[in-house]
Amino acid sequence: MAEEKKTDNNKEQKFRALAEARLEKAVHTIELIAPLSDKNRYTYTDEQVKYILRTLRESVKTVENAFQGKVEKKISLP
């Protein structure tokens, strides 16, 4: 029983370490998208903006579904 608890604790530690690192990286990468909205530096269409936002929402929904135990196909970008 003590061995099982030790294994569970190790799994939680691995989860925490990976989750923290991956979340930090994901948030940083998402934040890099915001400067693209600068109309003085870039030109883009409403369709391109809608595509970016839709793709981000779909990706978040995929993560939510994974944690809820729902299986969903992976999103592929063109």
PDB file of N, CA and C in Angstrom:
ATOM      1  N   MET A   1       0.818  -1.192   0.000  1.00  0.00           N
ATOM      2  CA  MET A   1       0.000   0.000   0.000  1.00  0.00           C
ATOM      3  C   MET A   1       0.868   1.263   0.000  1.00  0.00           C
ATOM      4  N   ALA A   2       1.956   1.268   0.747  1.00  0.00           N
ATOM      5  CA  ALA A   2       2.857   2.418   0.776  1.00  0.00           C
ATOM      6  C   ALA A   2       3.502   2.626  -0.586  1.00  0.00           C
ATOM      7  N   GLU A   3       3.813   1.510  -1.261  1.00  0.00           N
ATOM      8  CA  GLU A   3       4.411   1.592  -2.603  1.00  0.00           C
ATOM      9  C   GLU A   3       3.437   2.229  -3.594  1.00  0.00           C
ATOM     10  N   GLU A   4       2.135   1.876  -3.483  1.00  0.00           N
ATOM     11  CA  GLU A   4       1.113   2.436  -4.362  1.00  0.00           C
ATOM     12  C   GLU A   4       1.001   3.952  -4.153  1.00  0.00           C
ATOM     13  N   LYS A   5       1.035   4.385  -2.912  1.00  0.00           N
ATOM     14  CA  LYS A   5       0.940   5.813  -2.591  1.00  0.00           C
ATOM     15  C   LYS A   5       2.163   6.550  -3.141  1.00  0.00           C
ATOM     16  N   LYS A   6       3.334   5.920  -3.027  1.00  0.00           N
ATOM     17  CA  LYS A   6       4.557   6.520  -3.542  1.00  0.00           C
ATOM     18  C   LYS A   6       4.483   6.670  -5.056  1.00  0.00           C
ATOM     19  N   THR A   7       3.957   5.665  -5.736  1.00  0.00           N
ATOM     20  CA  THR A   7       3.800   5.711  -7.182  1.00  0.00           C
ATOM     21  C   THR A   7       2.819   6.805  -7.583  1.00  0.00           C
ATOM     22  N   ASP A   8       1.700   6.902  -6.859  1.00  0.00           N
ATOM     23  CA  ASP A   8       0.709   7.938  -7.156  1.00  0.00           C
ATOM     24  C   ASP A   8       1.300   9.328  -6.953  1.00  0.00           C
ATOM     25  N   ASN A   9       2.085   9.486  -5.890  1.00  0.00           N
ATOM     26  CA  ASN A   9       2.717  10.765  -5.602  1.00  0.00           C
ATOM     27  C   ASN A   9       3.700  11.132  -6.713  1.00  0.00           C
ATOM     28  N   ASN A  10       4.455  10.138  -7.194  1.00  0.00           N
ATOM     29  CA  ASN A  10       5.404  10.354  -8.279  1.00  0.00           C
ATOM     30  C   ASN A  10       4.670  10.768  -9.556  1.00  0.00           C
ATOM     31  N   LYS A  11       3.547  10.128  -9.835  1.00  0.00           N
ATOM     32  CA  LYS A  11       2.756  10.468 -11.018  1.00  0.00           C
ATOM     33  C   LYS A  11       2.218  11.894 -10.919  1.00  0.00           C
ATOM     34  N   GLU A  12       1.801  12.282  -9.713  1.00  0.00           N
ATOM     35  CA  GLU A  12       1.296  13.648  -9.520  1.00  0.00           C
ATOM     36  C   GLU A  12       2.424  14.663  -9.701  1.00  0.00           C
ATOM     37  N   GLN A  13       3.596  14.350  -9.189  1.00  0.00           N
ATOM     38  CA  GLN A  13       4.737  15.249  -9.347  1.00  0.00           C
ATOM     39  C   GLN A  13       5.100  15.411 -10.820  1.00  0.00           C
ATOM     40  N   LYS A  14       5.088  14.305 -11.562  1.00  0.00           N
ATOM     41  CA  LYS A  14       5.377  14.360 -12.993  1.00  0.00           C
ATOM     42  C   LYS A  14       4.328  15.204 -13.712  1.00  0.00           C
ATOM     43  N   PHE A  15       3.048  14.995 -13.345  1.00  0.00           N
ATOM     44  CA  PHE A  15       1.964  15.761 -13.954  1.00  0.00           C
ATOM     45  C   PHE A  15       2.165  17.248 -13.697  1.00  0.00           C
ATOM     46  N   ARG A  16       2.413  17.597 -12.441  1.00  0.00           N
ATOM     47  CA  ARG A  16       2.587  19.015 -12.078  1.00  0.00           C
ATOM     48  C   ARG A  16       3.737  19.653 -12.846  1.00  0.00           C
ATOM     49  N   ALA A  17       4.852  18.961 -12.922  1.00  0.00           N
ATOM     50  CA  ALA A  17       6.024  19.508 -13.608  1.00  0.00           C
ATOM     51  C   ALA A  17       5.745  19.697 -15.096  1.00  0.00           C
ATOM     52  N   LEU A  18       5.181  18.676 -15.718  1.00  0.00           N
ATOM     53  CA  LEU A  18       4.885  18.773 -17.148  1.00  0.00           C
ATOM     54  C   LEU A  18       3.798  19.809 -17.428  1.00  0.00           C
ATOM     55  N   ALA A  19       2.749  19.806 -16.613  1.00  0.00           N
ATOM     56  CA  ALA A  19       1.647  20.747 -16.815  1.00  0.00           C
ATOM     57  C   ALA A  19       2.130  22.187 -16.678  1.00  0.00           C
ATOM     58  N   GLU A  20       2.927  22.438 -15.666  1.00  0.00           N
ATOM     59  CA  GLU A  20       3.431  23.797 -15.452  1.00  0.00           C
ATOM     60  C   GLU A  20       4.275  24.265 -16.634  1.00  0.00           C
ATOM     61  N   ALA A  21       5.192  23.422 -17.072  1.00  0.00           N
ATOM     62  CA  ALA A  21       6.075  23.788 -18.181  1.00  0.00           C
ATOM     63  C   ALA A  21       5.293  23.963 -19.480  1.00  0.00           C
ATOM     64  N   ARG A  22       4.390  23.035 -19.762  1.00  0.00           N
ATOM     65  CA  ARG A  22       3.630  23.109 -21.011  1.00  0.00           C
ATOM     66  C   ARG A  22       2.652  24.274 -21.016  1.00  0.00           C
ATOM     67  N   LEU A  23       2.028  24.536 -19.875  1.00  0.00           N
ATOM     68  CA  LEU A  23       1.086  25.649 -19.788  1.00  0.00           C
ATOM     69  C   LEU A  23       1.816  26.973 -19.969  1.00  0.00           C
ATOM     70  N   GLU A  24       2.957  27.111 -19.315  1.00  0.00           N
ATOM     71  CA  GLU A  24       3.744  28.338 -19.448  1.00  0.00           C
ATOM     72  C   GLU A  24       4.138  28.563 -20.910  1.00  0.00           C
ATOM     73  N   LYS A  25       4.578  27.503 -21.570  1.00  0.00           N
ATOM     74  CA  LYS A  25       4.982  27.603 -22.971  1.00  0.00           C
ATOM     75  C   LYS A  25       3.782  27.942 -23.861  1.00  0.00           C
ATOM     76  N   ALA A  26       2.636  27.312 -23.604  1.00  0.00           N
ATOM     77  CA  ALA A  26       1.438  27.553 -24.413  1.00  0.00           C
ATOM     78  C   ALA A  26       0.951  28.992 -24.260  1.00  0.00           C
ATOM     79  N   VAL A  27       0.913  29.474 -23.018  1.00  0.00           N
ATOM     80  CA  VAL A  27       0.463  30.851 -22.770  1.00  0.00           C
ATOM     81  C   VAL A  27       1.416  31.832 -23.445  1.00  0.00           C
ATOM     82  N   HIS A  28       2.691  31.596 -23.326  1.00  0.00           N
ATOM     83  CA  HIS A  28       3.668  32.481 -23.965  1.00  0.00           C
ATOM     84  C   HIS A  28       3.459  32.514 -25.483  1.00  0.00           C
ATOM     85  N   THR A  29       3.288  31.358 -26.068  1.00  0.00           N
ATOM     86  CA  THR A  29       3.104  31.277 -27.514  1.00  0.00           C
ATOM     87  C   THR A  29       1.817  31.966 -27.953  1.00  0.00           C
ATOM     88  N   ILE A  30       0.748  31.785 -27.198  1.00  0.00           N
ATOM     89  CA  ILE A  30      -0.514  32.450 -27.511  1.00  0.00           C
ATOM     90  C   ILE A  30      -0.345  33.964 -27.414  1.00  0.00           C
ATOM     91  N   GLU A  31       0.370  34.419 -26.394  1.00  0.00           N
ATOM     92  CA  GLU A  31       0.596  35.856 -26.237  1.00  0.00           C
ATOM     93  C   GLU A  31       1.372  36.451 -27.409  1.00  0.00           C
ATOM     94  N   LEU A  32       2.168  35.640 -28.093  1.00  0.00           N
ATOM     95  CA  LEU A  32       2.901  36.116 -29.260  1.00  0.00           C
ATOM     96  C   LEU A  32       1.984  36.419 -30.440  1.00  0.00           C
ATOM     97  N   ILE A  33       0.767  35.916 -30.403  1.00  0.00           N
ATOM     98  CA  ILE A  33      -0.195  36.167 -31.488  1.00  0.00           C
ATOM     99  C   ILE A  33      -0.766  37.582 -31.392  1.00  0.00           C
ATOM    100  N   ALA A  34      -0.954  38.086 -30.176  1.00  0.00           N
ATOM    101  CA  ALA A  34      -1.581  39.401 -29.969  1.00  0.00           C
ATOM    102  C   ALA A  34      -0.896  40.535 -30.725  1.00  0.00           C
ATOM    103  N   PRO A  35       0.428  40.620 -30.756  1.00  0.00           N
ATOM    104  CA  PRO A  35       1.055  41.716 -31.495  1.00  0.00           C
ATOM    105  C   PRO A  35       0.751  41.718 -33.002  1.00  0.00           C
ATOM    106  N   LEU A  36       0.288  40.585 -33.517  1.00  0.00           N
ATOM    107  CA  LEU A  36      -0.086  40.540 -34.930  1.00  0.00           C
ATOM    108  C   LEU A  36      -1.283  41.444 -35.230  1.00  0.00           C
ATOM    109  N   SER A  37      -1.976  41.882 -34.198  1.00  0.00           N
ATOM    110  CA  SER A  37      -3.148  42.744 -34.394  1.00  0.00           C
ATOM    111  C   SER A  37      -2.768  44.190 -34.703  1.00  0.00           C
ATOM    112  N   ASP A  38      -1.487  44.519 -34.640  1.00  0.00           N
ATOM    113  CA  ASP A  38      -1.017  45.882 -34.908  1.00  0.00           C
ATOM    114  C   ASP A  38      -1.197  46.226 -36.381  1.00  0.00           C
ATOM    115  N   LYS A  39      -2.208  47.023 -36.669  1.00  0.00           N
ATOM    116  CA  LYS A  39      -2.534  47.400 -38.059  1.00  0.00           C
ATOM    117  C   LYS A  39      -1.456  48.279 -38.685  1.00  0.00           C
ATOM    118  N   ASN A  40      -0.602  48.894 -37.884  1.00  0.00           N
ATOM    119  CA  ASN A  40       0.491  49.694 -38.434  1.00  0.00           C
ATOM    120  C   ASN A  40       1.613  48.828 -38.995  1.00  0.00           C
ATOM    121  N   ARG A  41       1.667  47.583 -38.541  1.00  0.00           N
ATOM    122  CA  ARG A  41       2.740  46.692 -38.987  1.00  0.00           C
ATOM    123  C   ARG A  41       2.261  45.585 -39.917  1.00  0.00           C
ATOM    124  N   TYR A  42       0.972  45.227 -39.819  1.00  0.00           N
ATOM    125  CA  TYR A  42       0.465  44.076 -40.565  1.00  0.00           C
ATOM    126  C   TYR A  42      -0.867  44.400 -41.216  1.00  0.00           C
ATOM    127  N   THR A  43      -1.141  43.692 -42.287  1.00  0.00           N
ATOM    128  CA  THR A  43      -2.434  43.759 -42.952  1.00  0.00           C
ATOM    129  C   THR A  43      -3.028  42.361 -42.911  1.00  0.00           C
ATOM    130  N   TYR A  44      -4.299  42.291 -42.545  1.00  0.00           N
ATOM    131  CA  TYR A  44      -4.971  40.996 -42.457  1.00  0.00           C
ATOM    132  C   TYR A  44      -6.464  41.195 -42.673  1.00  0.00           C
ATOM    133  N   THR A  45      -7.115  40.090 -42.995  1.00  0.00           N
ATOM    134  CA  THR A  45      -8.553  40.135 -43.249  1.00  0.00           C
ATOM    135  C   THR A  45      -9.326  39.667 -42.022  1.00  0.00           C
ATOM    136  N   ASP A  46     -10.614  39.989 -42.024  1.00  0.00           N
ATOM    137  CA  ASP A  46     -11.482  39.502 -40.954  1.00  0.00           C
ATOM    138  C   ASP A  46     -11.518  37.976 -40.944  1.00  0.00           C
ATOM    139  N   GLU A  47     -11.450  37.378 -42.126  1.00  0.00           N
ATOM    140  CA  GLU A  47     -11.471  35.920 -42.226  1.00  0.00           C
ATOM    141  C   GLU A  47     -10.235  35.319 -41.557  1.00  0.00           C
ATOM    142  N   GLN A  48      -9.092  35.952 -41.721  1.00  0.00           N
ATOM    143  CA  GLN A  48      -7.869  35.450 -41.091  1.00  0.00           C
ATOM    144  C   GLN A  48      -7.966  35.540 -39.565  1.00  0.00           C
ATOM    145  N   VAL A  49      -8.523  36.636 -39.077  1.00  0.00           N
ATOM    146  CA  VAL A  49      -8.700  36.804 -37.632  1.00  0.00           C
ATOM    147  C   VAL A  49      -9.673  35.757 -37.105  1.00  0.00           C
ATOM    148  N   LYS A  50     -10.773  35.546 -37.818  1.00  0.00           N
ATOM    149  CA  LYS A  50     -11.757  34.544 -37.405  1.00  0.00           C
ATOM    150  C   LYS A  50     -11.124  33.157 -37.373  1.00  0.00           C
ATOM    151  N   TYR A  51     -10.277  32.861 -38.350  1.00  0.00           N
ATOM    152  CA  TYR A  51      -9.610  31.563 -38.400  1.00  0.00           C
ATOM    153  C   TYR A  51      -8.713  31.364 -37.171  1.00  0.00           C
ATOM    154  N   ILE A  52      -7.919  32.378 -36.844  1.00  0.00           N
ATOM    155  CA  ILE A  52      -7.027  32.288 -35.684  1.00  0.00           C
ATOM    156  C   ILE A  52      -7.837  32.051 -34.409  1.00  0.00           C
ATOM    157  N   LEU A  53      -8.861  32.868 -34.205  1.00  0.00           N
ATOM    158  CA  LEU A  53      -9.659  32.764 -32.981  1.00  0.00           C
ATOM    159  C   LEU A  53     -10.419  31.440 -32.910  1.00  0.00           C
ATOM    160  N   ARG A  54     -10.963  30.995 -34.034  1.00  0.00           N
ATOM    161  CA  ARG A  54     -11.682  29.715 -34.063  1.00  0.00           C
ATOM    162  C   ARG A  54     -10.731  28.559 -33.736  1.00  0.00           C
ATOM    163  N   THR A  55      -9.551  28.604 -34.305  1.00  0.00           N
ATOM    164  CA  THR A  55      -8.570  27.547 -34.076  1.00  0.00           C
ATOM    165  C   THR A  55      -8.139  27.501 -32.609  1.00  0.00           C
ATOM    166  N   LEU A  56      -7.932  28.667 -32.013  1.00  0.00           N
ATOM    167  CA  LEU A  56      -7.578  28.709 -30.592  1.00  0.00           C
ATOM    168  C   LEU A  56      -8.704  28.150 -29.733  1.00  0.00           C
ATOM    169  N   ARG A  57      -9.943  28.549 -30.022  1.00  0.00           N
ATOM    170  CA  ARG A  57     -11.086  28.040 -29.246  1.00  0.00           C
ATOM    171  C   ARG A  57     -11.220  26.528 -29.387  1.00  0.00           C
ATOM    172  N   GLU A  58     -11.057  26.027 -30.616  1.00  0.00           N
ATOM    173  CA  GLU A  58     -11.171  24.587 -30.853  1.00  0.00           C
ATOM    174  C   GLU A  58     -10.079  23.825 -30.097  1.00  0.00           C
ATOM    175  N   SER A  59      -8.892  24.401 -30.047  1.00  0.00           N
ATOM    176  CA  SER A  59      -7.791  23.752 -29.328  1.00  0.00           C
ATOM    177  C   SER A  59      -8.079  23.688 -27.834  1.00  0.00           C
ATOM    178  N   VAL A  60      -8.612  24.768 -27.279  1.00  0.00           N
ATOM    179  CA  VAL A  60      -8.973  24.776 -25.860  1.00  0.00           C
ATOM    180  C   VAL A  60     -10.081  23.759 -25.611  1.00  0.00           C
ATOM    181  N   LYS A  61     -11.055  23.686 -26.495  1.00  0.00           N
ATOM    182  CA  LYS A  61     -12.152  22.729 -26.351  1.00  0.00           C
ATOM    183  C   LYS A  61     -11.620  21.287 -26.390  1.00  0.00           C
ATOM    184  N   THR A  62     -10.644  21.032 -27.233  1.00  0.00           N
ATOM    185  CA  THR A  62     -10.038  19.703 -27.301  1.00  0.00           C
ATOM    186  C   THR A  62      -9.397  19.333 -25.964  1.00  0.00           C
ATOM    187  N   VAL A  63      -8.712  20.287 -25.347  1.00  0.00           N
ATOM    188  CA  VAL A  63      -8.090  20.037 -24.046  1.00  0.00           C
ATOM    189  C   VAL A  63      -9.165  19.801 -22.992  1.00  0.00           C
ATOM    190  N   GLU A  64     -10.222  20.623 -22.995  1.00  0.00           N
ATOM    191  CA  GLU A  64     -11.320  20.431 -22.042  1.00  0.00           C
ATOM    192  C   GLU A  64     -11.922  19.035 -22.188  1.00  0.00           C
ATOM    193  N   ASN A  65     -12.168  18.629 -23.413  1.00  0.00           N
ATOM    194  CA  ASN A  65     -12.751  17.311 -23.659  1.00  0.00           C
ATOM    195  C   ASN A  65     -11.827  16.190 -23.192  1.00  0.00           C
ATOM    196  N   ALA A  66     -10.537  16.361 -23.392  1.00  0.00           N
ATOM    197  CA  ALA A  66      -9.580  15.340 -22.957  1.00  0.00           C
ATOM    198  C   ALA A  66      -9.641  15.155 -21.442  1.00  0.00           C
ATOM    199  N   PHE A  67      -9.716  16.257 -20.702  1.00  0.00           N
ATOM    200  CA  PHE A  67      -9.777  16.162 -19.247  1.00  0.00           C
ATOM    201  C   PHE A  67     -11.127  15.657 -18.757  1.00  0.00           C
ATOM    202  N   GLN A  68     -12.134  15.742 -19.596  1.00  0.00           N
ATOM    203  CA  GLN A  68     -13.456  15.204 -19.248  1.00  0.00           C
ATOM    204  C   GLN A  68     -13.605  13.761 -19.716  1.00  0.00           C
ATOM    205  N   GLY A  69     -12.555  13.225 -20.329  1.00  0.00           N
ATOM    206  CA  GLY A  69     -12.583  11.840 -20.778  1.00  0.00           C
ATOM    207  C   GLY A  69     -13.245  11.634 -22.120  1.00  0.00           C
ATOM    208  N   LYS A  70     -13.527  12.724 -22.798  1.00  0.00           N
ATOM    209  CA  LYS A  70     -14.131  12.621 -24.125  1.00  0.00           C
ATOM    210  C   LYS A  70     -13.019  12.547 -25.161  1.00  0.00           C
ATOM    211  N   VAL A  71     -13.222  11.683 -26.148  1.00  0.00           N
ATOM    212  CA  VAL A  71     -12.228  11.534 -27.210  1.00  0.00           C
ATOM    213  C   VAL A  71     -12.662  12.409 -28.371  1.00  0.00           C
ATOM    214  N   GLU A  72     -11.699  13.159 -28.895  1.00  0.00           N
ATOM    215  CA  GLU A  72     -11.975  14.028 -30.024  1.00  0.00           C
ATOM    216  C   GLU A  72     -10.776  13.978 -30.958  1.00  0.00           C
ATOM    217  N   LYS A  73     -11.046  14.083 -32.245  1.00  0.00           N
ATOM    218  CA  LYS A  73      -9.923  14.010 -33.179  1.00  0.00           C
ATOM    219  C   LYS A  73      -9.061  15.261 -33.048  1.00  0.00           C
ATOM    220  N   LYS A  74      -7.798  15.088 -33.368  1.00  0.00           N
ATOM    221  CA  LYS A  74      -6.827  16.163 -33.255  1.00  0.00           C
ATOM    222  C   LYS A  74      -7.086  17.201 -34.346  1.00  0.00           C
ATOM    223  N   ILE A  75      -6.913  18.465 -33.983  1.00  0.00           N
ATOM    224  CA  ILE A  75      -7.084  19.568 -34.937  1.00  0.00           C
ATOM    225  C   ILE A  75      -5.837  19.651 -35.793  1.00  0.00           C
ATOM    226  N   SER A  76      -6.029  19.766 -37.097  1.00  0.00           N
ATOM    227  CA  SER A  76      -4.889  19.932 -37.969  1.00  0.00           C
ATOM    228  C   SER A  76      -4.971  21.294 -38.643  1.00  0.00           C
ATOM    229  N   LEU A  77      -3.846  21.956 -38.679  1.00  0.00           N
ATOM    230  CA  LEU A  77      -3.768  23.270 -39.315  1.00  0.00           C
ATOM    231  C   LEU A  77      -3.359  23.097 -40.762  1.00  0.00           C
ATOM    232  N   PRO A  78      -3.837  23.967 -41.614  1.00  0.00           N
ATOM    233  CA  PRO A  78      -3.470  23.847 -43.040  1.00  0.00           C
ATOM    234  C   PRO A  78      -2.008  24.127 -43.277  1.00  0.00           C
TER     235      PRO A  78
END
